[in-house]
Amino acid sequence: MVQDDWTRNGNMVPGWLPANWRNGRLMYTLKINEPTPWIDLTAAESIASLNRHLGDILDETFPRNPTIPLTTVSTKTG
């Protein structure tokens, strides 16, 4: 109902952000010249691999809360 009222009155729809607002707040712009493999940091396989291969390095570089056993999605995206 709110969205219908706002649209009818010419207001911005709730939850919508204009592109110029989003673009003005970008941290980085990426230009990729050729196909490149990407890692899904939220995938369980990626988290396990990071913990297995980089866990000690990550712990030394970025000390973590001792109640969090290993690198998690939260520690990578926080």
C-alpha atoms as a PDB file:
ATOM      1  CA  MET A   1       0.000   0.000   0.000  1.00  0.00           C
ATOM      2  CA  VAL A   2       2.827   2.400   0.828  1.00  0.00           C
ATOM      3  CA  GLN A   3       4.567   1.728  -2.475  1.00  0.00           C
ATOM      4  CA  ASP A   4       1.321   2.372  -4.380  1.00  0.00           C
ATOM      5  CA  ASP A   5       0.775   5.670  -2.525  1.00  0.00           C
ATOM      6  CA  TRP A   6       4.355   6.825  -3.064  1.00  0.00           C
ATOM      7  CA  THR A   7       4.269   5.922  -6.769  1.00  0.00           C
ATOM      8  CA  ARG A   8       0.942   7.652  -7.245  1.00  0.00           C
ATOM      9  CA  ASN A   9       2.326  10.799  -5.560  1.00  0.00           C
ATOM     10  CA  GLY A  10       5.500  10.767  -7.678  1.00  0.00           C
ATOM     11  CA  ASN A  11       7.843   9.830  -4.810  1.00  0.00           C
ATOM     12  CA  MET A  12      10.732   7.404  -5.062  1.00  0.00           C
ATOM     13  CA  VAL A  13       9.580   3.815  -4.525  1.00  0.00           C
ATOM     14  CA  PRO A  14      10.605   2.389  -1.111  1.00  0.00           C
ATOM     15  CA  GLY A  15      13.802   0.338  -1.381  1.00  0.00           C
ATOM     16  CA  TRP A  16      14.835   1.937  -4.669  1.00  0.00           C
ATOM     17  CA  LEU A  17      18.066   3.904  -5.021  1.00  0.00           C
ATOM     18  CA  PRO A  18      18.885   6.001  -8.079  1.00  0.00           C
ATOM     19  CA  ALA A  19      21.856   4.825 -10.148  1.00  0.00           C
ATOM     20  CA  ASN A  20      23.727   8.114  -9.727  1.00  0.00           C
ATOM     21  CA  TRP A  21      23.524   7.730  -5.927  1.00  0.00           C
ATOM     22  CA  ARG A  22      24.868   4.157  -6.091  1.00  0.00           C
ATOM     23  CA  ASN A  23      27.566   5.005  -8.646  1.00  0.00           C
ATOM     24  CA  GLY A  24      28.732   7.997  -6.607  1.00  0.00           C
ATOM     25  CA  ARG A  25      29.448   5.667  -3.682  1.00  0.00           C
ATOM     26  CA  LEU A  26      31.325   2.911  -5.498  1.00  0.00           C
ATOM     27  CA  MET A  27      34.620   1.988  -3.899  1.00  0.00           C
ATOM     28  CA  TYR A  28      36.185   0.548  -7.032  1.00  0.00           C
ATOM     29  CA  THR A  29      35.527   0.299 -10.721  1.00  0.00           C
ATOM     30  CA  LEU A  30      36.677  -2.929 -12.350  1.00  0.00           C
ATOM     31  CA  LYS A  31      37.557  -3.289 -15.990  1.00  0.00           C
ATOM     32  CA  ILE A  32      38.077  -6.891 -17.064  1.00  0.00           C
ATOM     33  CA  ASN A  33      39.729  -7.335 -20.451  1.00  0.00           C
ATOM     34  CA  GLU A  34      39.382 -11.102 -20.691  1.00  0.00           C
ATOM     35  CA  PRO A  35      37.468 -13.882 -18.933  1.00  0.00           C
ATOM     36  CA  THR A  36      38.832 -14.475 -15.447  1.00  0.00           C
ATOM     37  CA  PRO A  37      37.872 -17.123 -12.889  1.00  0.00           C
ATOM     38  CA  TRP A  38      36.102 -15.781  -9.815  1.00  0.00           C
ATOM     39  CA  ILE A  39      35.717 -17.217  -6.321  1.00  0.00           C
ATOM     40  CA  ASP A  40      32.345 -17.229  -4.604  1.00  0.00           C
ATOM     41  CA  LEU A  41      33.287 -16.192  -1.067  1.00  0.00           C
ATOM     42  CA  THR A  42      29.934 -17.383   0.239  1.00  0.00           C
ATOM     43  CA  ALA A  43      30.316 -20.954  -1.056  1.00  0.00           C
ATOM     44  CA  ALA A  44      31.148 -23.585   1.559  1.00  0.00           C
ATOM     45  CA  GLU A  45      33.876 -24.984  -0.714  1.00  0.00           C
ATOM     46  CA  SER A  46      35.583 -21.581  -0.943  1.00  0.00           C
ATOM     47  CA  ILE A  47      35.459 -21.050   2.820  1.00  0.00           C
ATOM     48  CA  ALA A  48      36.905 -24.514   3.461  1.00  0.00           C
ATOM     49  CA  SER A  49      39.683 -23.949   0.930  1.00  0.00           C
ATOM     50  CA  LEU A  50      40.596 -20.563   2.408  1.00  0.00           C
ATOM     51  CA  ASN A  51      40.710 -22.046   5.893  1.00  0.00           C
ATOM     52  CA  ARG A  52      42.794 -25.001   4.705  1.00  0.00           C
ATOM     53  CA  HIS A  53      45.318 -23.038   2.627  1.00  0.00           C
ATOM     54  CA  LEU A  54      45.351 -19.562   4.164  1.00  0.00           C
ATOM     55  CA  GLY A  55      43.908 -20.006   7.652  1.00  0.00           C
ATOM     56  CA  ASP A  56      47.171 -19.446   9.550  1.00  0.00           C
ATOM     57  CA  ILE A  57      48.161 -16.478   7.383  1.00  0.00           C
ATOM     58  CA  LEU A  58      44.719 -14.908   7.744  1.00  0.00           C
ATOM     59  CA  ASP A  59      44.781 -15.391  11.516  1.00  0.00           C
ATOM     60  CA  GLU A  60      48.200 -13.748  11.800  1.00  0.00           C
ATOM     61  CA  THR A  61      47.309 -10.859   9.499  1.00  0.00           C
ATOM     62  CA  PHE A  62      43.757 -10.281  10.728  1.00  0.00           C
ATOM     63  CA  PRO A  63      43.380 -11.387  14.361  1.00  0.00           C
ATOM     64  CA  ARG A  64      39.895 -12.755  14.896  1.00  0.00           C
ATOM     65  CA  ASN A  65      37.514 -13.113  17.730  1.00  0.00           C
ATOM     66  CA  PRO A  66      38.509 -16.318  19.589  1.00  0.00           C
ATOM     67  CA  THR A  67      34.871 -17.410  19.747  1.00  0.00           C
ATOM     68  CA  ILE A  68      34.848 -17.702  15.924  1.00  0.00           C
ATOM     69  CA  PRO A  69      36.665 -20.956  15.101  1.00  0.00           C
ATOM     70  CA  LEU A  70      37.871 -20.123  11.566  1.00  0.00           C
ATOM     71  CA  THR A  71      37.296 -17.753   8.693  1.00  0.00           C
ATOM     72  CA  THR A  72      33.581 -17.415   7.976  1.00  0.00           C
ATOM     73  CA  VAL A  73      31.443 -15.527   5.467  1.00  0.00           C
ATOM     74  CA  SER A  74      31.029 -12.841   8.124  1.00  0.00           C
ATOM     75  CA  THR A  75      34.777 -12.364   8.619  1.00  0.00           C
ATOM     76  CA  LYS A  76      35.288 -11.995   4.863  1.00  0.00           C
ATOM     77  CA  THR A  77      32.424  -9.623   4.189  1.00  0.00           C
ATOM     78  CA  GLY A  78      32.413  -7.612   7.429  1.00  0.00           C
END
